[in-house]
Amino acid sequence: MAPLSIELIKRMAYAGLETPLAPQLDVEAYYASILLETEDFKEGVQAFKEERQTVCPG
């Protein structure tokens, strides 16, 4: 299975073909709130602060 971020991007892209912009923006905000809680995101922020490469399990 693809990483969570890729899966959510695909869902939004396909839904965007049939859904008006306003509801899609709500979905985008919801998905962003999910991704901001992942360990990969936290690792990315920490790596940026420490000026090093990320080590993300996916």
PDB file of N, CA and C in Angstrom:
ATOM      1  N   MET A   1       0.838  -1.186   0.000  1.00  0.00           N
ATOM      2  CA  MET A   1       0.000   0.000   0.000  1.00  0.00           C
ATOM      3  C   MET A   1       0.879   1.244   0.000  1.00  0.00           C
ATOM      4  N   ALA A   2       0.424   2.236  -0.683  1.00  0.00           N
ATOM      5  CA  ALA A   2       1.171   3.492  -0.772  1.00  0.00           C
ATOM      6  C   ALA A   2       1.179   4.198   0.574  1.00  0.00           C
ATOM      7  N   PRO A   3       2.190   5.046   0.794  1.00  0.00           N
ATOM      8  CA  PRO A   3       2.185   5.835   2.030  1.00  0.00           C
ATOM      9  C   PRO A   3       0.871   6.624   2.154  1.00  0.00           C
ATOM     10  N   LEU A   4       0.518   6.922   3.376  1.00  0.00           N
ATOM     11  CA  LEU A   4      -0.756   7.590   3.651  1.00  0.00           C
ATOM     12  C   LEU A   4      -0.899   8.887   2.859  1.00  0.00           C
ATOM     13  N   SER A   5       0.149   9.672   2.784  1.00  0.00           N
ATOM     14  CA  SER A   5       0.049  10.955   2.072  1.00  0.00           C
ATOM     15  C   SER A   5      -0.306  10.747   0.603  1.00  0.00           C
ATOM     16  N   ILE A   6       0.306   9.764  -0.042  1.00  0.00           N
ATOM     17  CA  ILE A   6       0.024   9.489  -1.455  1.00  0.00           C
ATOM     18  C   ILE A   6      -1.411   9.003  -1.615  1.00  0.00           C
ATOM     19  N   GLU A   7      -1.849   8.149  -0.716  1.00  0.00           N
ATOM     20  CA  GLU A   7      -3.224   7.638  -0.766  1.00  0.00           C
ATOM     21  C   GLU A   7      -4.240   8.781  -0.661  1.00  0.00           C
ATOM     22  N   LEU A   8      -4.016   9.699   0.259  1.00  0.00           N
ATOM     23  CA  LEU A   8      -4.954  10.814   0.422  1.00  0.00           C
ATOM     24  C   LEU A   8      -4.929  11.761  -0.771  1.00  0.00           C
ATOM     25  N   ILE A   9      -3.756  11.978  -1.346  1.00  0.00           N
ATOM     26  CA  ILE A   9      -3.661  12.830  -2.546  1.00  0.00           C
ATOM     27  C   ILE A   9      -4.452  12.213  -3.690  1.00  0.00           C
ATOM     28  N   LYS A  10      -4.319  10.913  -3.876  1.00  0.00           N
ATOM     29  CA  LYS A  10      -5.068  10.235  -4.943  1.00  0.00           C
ATOM     30  C   LYS A  10      -6.571  10.352  -4.716  1.00  0.00           C
ATOM     31  N   ARG A  11      -7.005  10.141  -3.478  1.00  0.00           N
ATOM     32  CA  ARG A  11      -8.439  10.266  -3.177  1.00  0.00           C
ATOM     33  C   ARG A  11      -8.949  11.660  -3.522  1.00  0.00           C
ATOM     34  N   MET A  12      -8.181  12.676  -3.135  1.00  0.00           N
ATOM     35  CA  MET A  12      -8.605  14.055  -3.408  1.00  0.00           C
ATOM     36  C   MET A  12      -8.635  14.340  -4.904  1.00  0.00           C
ATOM     37  N   ALA A  13      -7.646  13.848  -5.618  1.00  0.00           N
ATOM     38  CA  ALA A  13      -7.592  14.100  -7.063  1.00  0.00           C
ATOM     39  C   ALA A  13      -8.804  13.494  -7.765  1.00  0.00           C
ATOM     40  N   TYR A  14      -9.125  12.242  -7.443  1.00  0.00           N
ATOM     41  CA  TYR A  14     -10.277  11.604  -8.079  1.00  0.00           C
ATOM     42  C   TYR A  14     -11.586  12.247  -7.649  1.00  0.00           C
ATOM     43  N   ALA A  15     -11.718  12.571  -6.383  1.00  0.00           N
ATOM     44  CA  ALA A  15     -12.945  13.216  -5.903  1.00  0.00           C
ATOM     45  C   ALA A  15     -13.094  14.612  -6.504  1.00  0.00           C
ATOM     46  N   GLY A  16     -11.983  15.282  -6.741  1.00  0.00           N
ATOM     47  CA  GLY A  16     -12.017  16.631  -7.286  1.00  0.00           C
ATOM     48  C   GLY A  16     -12.595  16.712  -8.682  1.00  0.00           C
ATOM     49  N   LEU A  17     -12.596  15.592  -9.374  1.00  0.00           N
ATOM     50  CA  LEU A  17     -13.160  15.580 -10.723  1.00  0.00           C
ATOM     51  C   LEU A  17     -14.679  15.716 -10.695  1.00  0.00           C
ATOM     52  N   GLU A  18     -15.290  15.355  -9.571  1.00  0.00           N
ATOM     53  CA  GLU A  18     -16.749  15.342  -9.496  1.00  0.00           C
ATOM     54  C   GLU A  18     -17.314  16.230  -8.400  1.00  0.00           C
ATOM     55  N   THR A  19     -16.461  16.872  -7.628  1.00  0.00           N
ATOM     56  CA  THR A  19     -16.902  17.631  -6.466  1.00  0.00           C
ATOM     57  C   THR A  19     -16.545  19.103  -6.629  1.00  0.00           C
ATOM     58  N   PRO A  20     -17.436  20.010  -6.244  1.00  0.00           N
ATOM     59  CA  PRO A  20     -17.115  21.438  -6.303  1.00  0.00           C
ATOM     60  C   PRO A  20     -15.942  21.792  -5.376  1.00  0.00           C
ATOM     61  N   LEU A  21     -15.355  22.941  -5.595  1.00  0.00           N
ATOM     62  CA  LEU A  21     -14.155  23.353  -4.877  1.00  0.00           C
ATOM     63  C   LEU A  21     -14.372  23.489  -3.369  1.00  0.00           C
ATOM     64  N   ALA A  22     -15.443  24.134  -2.949  1.00  0.00           N
ATOM     65  CA  ALA A  22     -15.646  24.399  -1.515  1.00  0.00           C
ATOM     66  C   ALA A  22     -15.617  23.129  -0.659  1.00  0.00           C
ATOM     67  N   PRO A  23     -16.363  22.085  -1.023  1.00  0.00           N
ATOM     68  CA  PRO A  23     -16.281  20.855  -0.217  1.00  0.00           C
ATOM     69  C   PRO A  23     -14.896  20.209  -0.277  1.00  0.00           C
ATOM     70  N   GLN A  24     -14.237  20.323  -1.412  1.00  0.00           N
ATOM     71  CA  GLN A  24     -12.895  19.752  -1.531  1.00  0.00           C
ATOM     72  C   GLN A  24     -11.910  20.452  -0.595  1.00  0.00           C
ATOM     73  N   LEU A  25     -12.072  21.736  -0.396  1.00  0.00           N
ATOM     74  CA  LEU A  25     -11.201  22.456   0.525  1.00  0.00           C
ATOM     75  C   LEU A  25     -11.398  21.975   1.954  1.00  0.00           C
ATOM     76  N   ASP A  26     -12.636  21.641   2.300  1.00  0.00           N
ATOM     77  CA  ASP A  26     -12.909  21.074   3.628  1.00  0.00           C
ATOM     78  C   ASP A  26     -12.233  19.713   3.783  1.00  0.00           C
ATOM     79  N   VAL A  27     -12.302  18.909   2.729  1.00  0.00           N
ATOM     80  CA  VAL A  27     -11.663  17.588   2.761  1.00  0.00           C
ATOM     81  C   VAL A  27     -10.150  17.745   2.862  1.00  0.00           C
ATOM     82  N   GLU A  28      -9.598  18.689   2.126  1.00  0.00           N
ATOM     83  CA  GLU A  28      -8.155  18.938   2.185  1.00  0.00           C
ATOM     84  C   GLU A  28      -7.721  19.314   3.599  1.00  0.00           C
ATOM     85  N   ALA A  29      -8.483  20.168   4.249  1.00  0.00           N
ATOM     86  CA  ALA A  29      -8.155  20.572   5.619  1.00  0.00           C
ATOM     87  C   ALA A  29      -8.231  19.371   6.559  1.00  0.00           C
ATOM     88  N   TYR A  30      -9.220  18.519   6.360  1.00  0.00           N
ATOM     89  CA  TYR A  30      -9.355  17.322   7.195  1.00  0.00           C
ATOM     90  C   TYR A  30      -8.168  16.386   6.993  1.00  0.00           C
ATOM     91  N   TYR A  31      -7.804  16.135   5.734  1.00  0.00           N
ATOM     92  CA  TYR A  31      -6.666  15.252   5.450  1.00  0.00           C
ATOM     93  C   TYR A  31      -5.366  15.845   5.996  1.00  0.00           C
ATOM     94  N   ALA A  32      -5.209  17.151   5.886  1.00  0.00           N
ATOM     95  CA  ALA A  32      -4.003  17.791   6.421  1.00  0.00           C
ATOM     96  C   ALA A  32      -3.926  17.582   7.926  1.00  0.00           C
ATOM     97  N   SER A  33      -5.055  17.667   8.609  1.00  0.00           N
ATOM     98  CA  SER A  33      -5.047  17.469  10.059  1.00  0.00           C
ATOM     99  C   SER A  33      -4.635  16.034  10.411  1.00  0.00           C
ATOM    100  N   ILE A  34      -4.992  15.089   9.572  1.00  0.00           N
ATOM    101  CA  ILE A  34      -4.573  13.700   9.787  1.00  0.00           C
ATOM    102  C   ILE A  34      -3.063  13.573   9.589  1.00  0.00           C
ATOM    103  N   LEU A  35      -2.563  14.138   8.500  1.00  0.00           N
ATOM    104  CA  LEU A  35      -1.140  14.000   8.176  1.00  0.00           C
ATOM    105  C   LEU A  35      -0.242  14.737   9.159  1.00  0.00           C
ATOM    106  N   LEU A  36      -0.733  15.810   9.744  1.00  0.00           N
ATOM    107  CA  LEU A  36       0.078  16.562  10.710  1.00  0.00           C
ATOM    108  C   LEU A  36       0.325  15.780  11.994  1.00  0.00           C
ATOM    109  N   GLU A  37      -0.427  14.707  12.201  1.00  0.00           N
ATOM    110  CA  GLU A  37      -0.268  13.893  13.403  1.00  0.00           C
ATOM    111  C   GLU A  37       0.598  12.651  13.184  1.00  0.00           C
ATOM    112  N   THR A  38       1.078  12.438  11.959  1.00  0.00           N
ATOM    113  CA  THR A  38       1.851  11.228  11.682  1.00  0.00           C
ATOM    114  C   THR A  38       3.279  11.341  12.202  1.00  0.00           C
ATOM    115  N   GLU A  39       3.871  10.187  12.444  1.00  0.00           N
ATOM    116  CA  GLU A  39       5.263  10.145  12.892  1.00  0.00           C
ATOM    117  C   GLU A  39       6.200  10.668  11.803  1.00  0.00           C
ATOM    118  N   ASP A  40       5.865  10.434  10.539  1.00  0.00           N
ATOM    119  CA  ASP A  40       6.696  10.933   9.447  1.00  0.00           C
ATOM    120  C   ASP A  40       6.755  12.457   9.460  1.00  0.00           C
ATOM    121  N   PHE A  41       5.630  13.104   9.701  1.00  0.00           N
ATOM    122  CA  PHE A  41       5.613  14.564   9.759  1.00  0.00           C
ATOM    123  C   PHE A  41       6.472  15.061  10.909  1.00  0.00           C
ATOM    124  N   LYS A  42       6.292  14.437  12.071  1.00  0.00           N
ATOM    125  CA  LYS A  42       7.073  14.849  13.246  1.00  0.00           C
ATOM    126  C   LYS A  42       8.565  14.643  13.005  1.00  0.00           C
ATOM    127  N   GLU A  43       8.923  13.529  12.363  1.00  0.00           N
ATOM    128  CA  GLU A  43      10.324  13.266  12.036  1.00  0.00           C
ATOM    129  C   GLU A  43      10.853  14.314  11.058  1.00  0.00           C
ATOM    130  N   GLY A  44      10.033  14.691  10.083  1.00  0.00           N
ATOM    131  CA  GLY A  44      10.446  15.706   9.111  1.00  0.00           C
ATOM    132  C   GLY A  44      10.729  17.047   9.759  1.00  0.00           C
ATOM    133  N   VAL A  45       9.884  17.453  10.672  1.00  0.00           N
ATOM    134  CA  VAL A  45      10.084  18.714  11.387  1.00  0.00           C
ATOM    135  C   VAL A  45      11.359  18.652  12.228  1.00  0.00           C
ATOM    136  N   GLN A  46      11.538  17.534  12.933  1.00  0.00           N
ATOM    137  CA  GLN A  46      12.725  17.384  13.779  1.00  0.00           C
ATOM    138  C   GLN A  46      14.000  17.373  12.933  1.00  0.00           C
ATOM    139  N   ALA A  47      13.978  16.677  11.810  1.00  0.00           N
ATOM    140  CA  ALA A  47      15.145  16.634  10.931  1.00  0.00           C
ATOM    141  C   ALA A  47      15.452  18.027  10.377  1.00  0.00           C
ATOM    142  N   PHE A  48      14.428  18.772  10.049  1.00  0.00           N
ATOM    143  CA  PHE A  48      14.642  20.136   9.549  1.00  0.00           C
ATOM    144  C   PHE A  48      15.315  20.992  10.614  1.00  0.00           C
ATOM    145  N   LYS A  49      14.830  20.889  11.836  1.00  0.00           N
ATOM    146  CA  LYS A  49      15.416  21.677  12.931  1.00  0.00           C
ATOM    147  C   LYS A  49      16.874  21.304  13.165  1.00  0.00           C
ATOM    148  N   GLU A  50      17.176  20.015  13.027  1.00  0.00           N
ATOM    149  CA  GLU A  50      18.532  19.532  13.264  1.00  0.00           C
ATOM    150  C   GLU A  50      19.405  19.579  12.003  1.00  0.00           C
ATOM    151  N   GLU A  51      18.843  20.053  10.893  1.00  0.00           N
ATOM    152  CA  GLU A  51      19.542  20.171   9.619  1.00  0.00           C
ATOM    153  C   GLU A  51      20.170  18.841   9.205  1.00  0.00           C
ATOM    154  N   ARG A  52      19.325  17.812   9.174  1.00  0.00           N
ATOM    155  CA  ARG A  52      19.779  16.483   8.760  1.00  0.00           C
ATOM    156  C   ARG A  52      18.724  15.864   7.844  1.00  0.00           C
ATOM    157  N   GLN A  53      19.085  14.740   7.223  1.00  0.00           N
ATOM    158  CA  GLN A  53      18.154  14.010   6.370  1.00  0.00           C
ATOM    159  C   GLN A  53      17.099  13.317   7.232  1.00  0.00           C
ATOM    160  N   THR A  54      15.933  13.144   6.677  1.00  0.00           N
ATOM    161  CA  THR A  54      14.875  12.446   7.413  1.00  0.00           C
ATOM    162  C   THR A  54      15.068  10.937   7.339  1.00  0.00           C
ATOM    163  N   VAL A  55      14.542  10.261   8.320  1.00  0.00           N
ATOM    164  CA  VAL A  55      14.501   8.814   8.354  1.00  0.00           C
ATOM    165  C   VAL A  55      13.040   8.451   8.601  1.00  0.00           C
ATOM    166  N   CYS A  56      12.288   8.279   7.508  1.00  0.00           N
ATOM    167  CA  CYS A  56      10.842   8.045   7.632  1.00  0.00           C
ATOM    168  C   CYS A  56      10.513   6.605   7.305  1.00  0.00           C
ATOM    169  N   PRO A  57       9.855   5.942   8.226  1.00  0.00           N
ATOM    170  CA  PRO A  57       9.468   4.543   7.954  1.00  0.00           C
ATOM    171  C   PRO A  57       8.337   4.417   6.939  1.00  0.00           C
ATOM    172  N   GLY A  58       7.624   5.505   6.674  1.00  0.00           N
ATOM    173  CA  GLY A  58       6.553   5.437   5.690  1.00  0.00           C
ATOM    174  C   GLY A  58       5.242   5.563   6.339  1.00  0.00           C
TER     175      GLY A  58
END
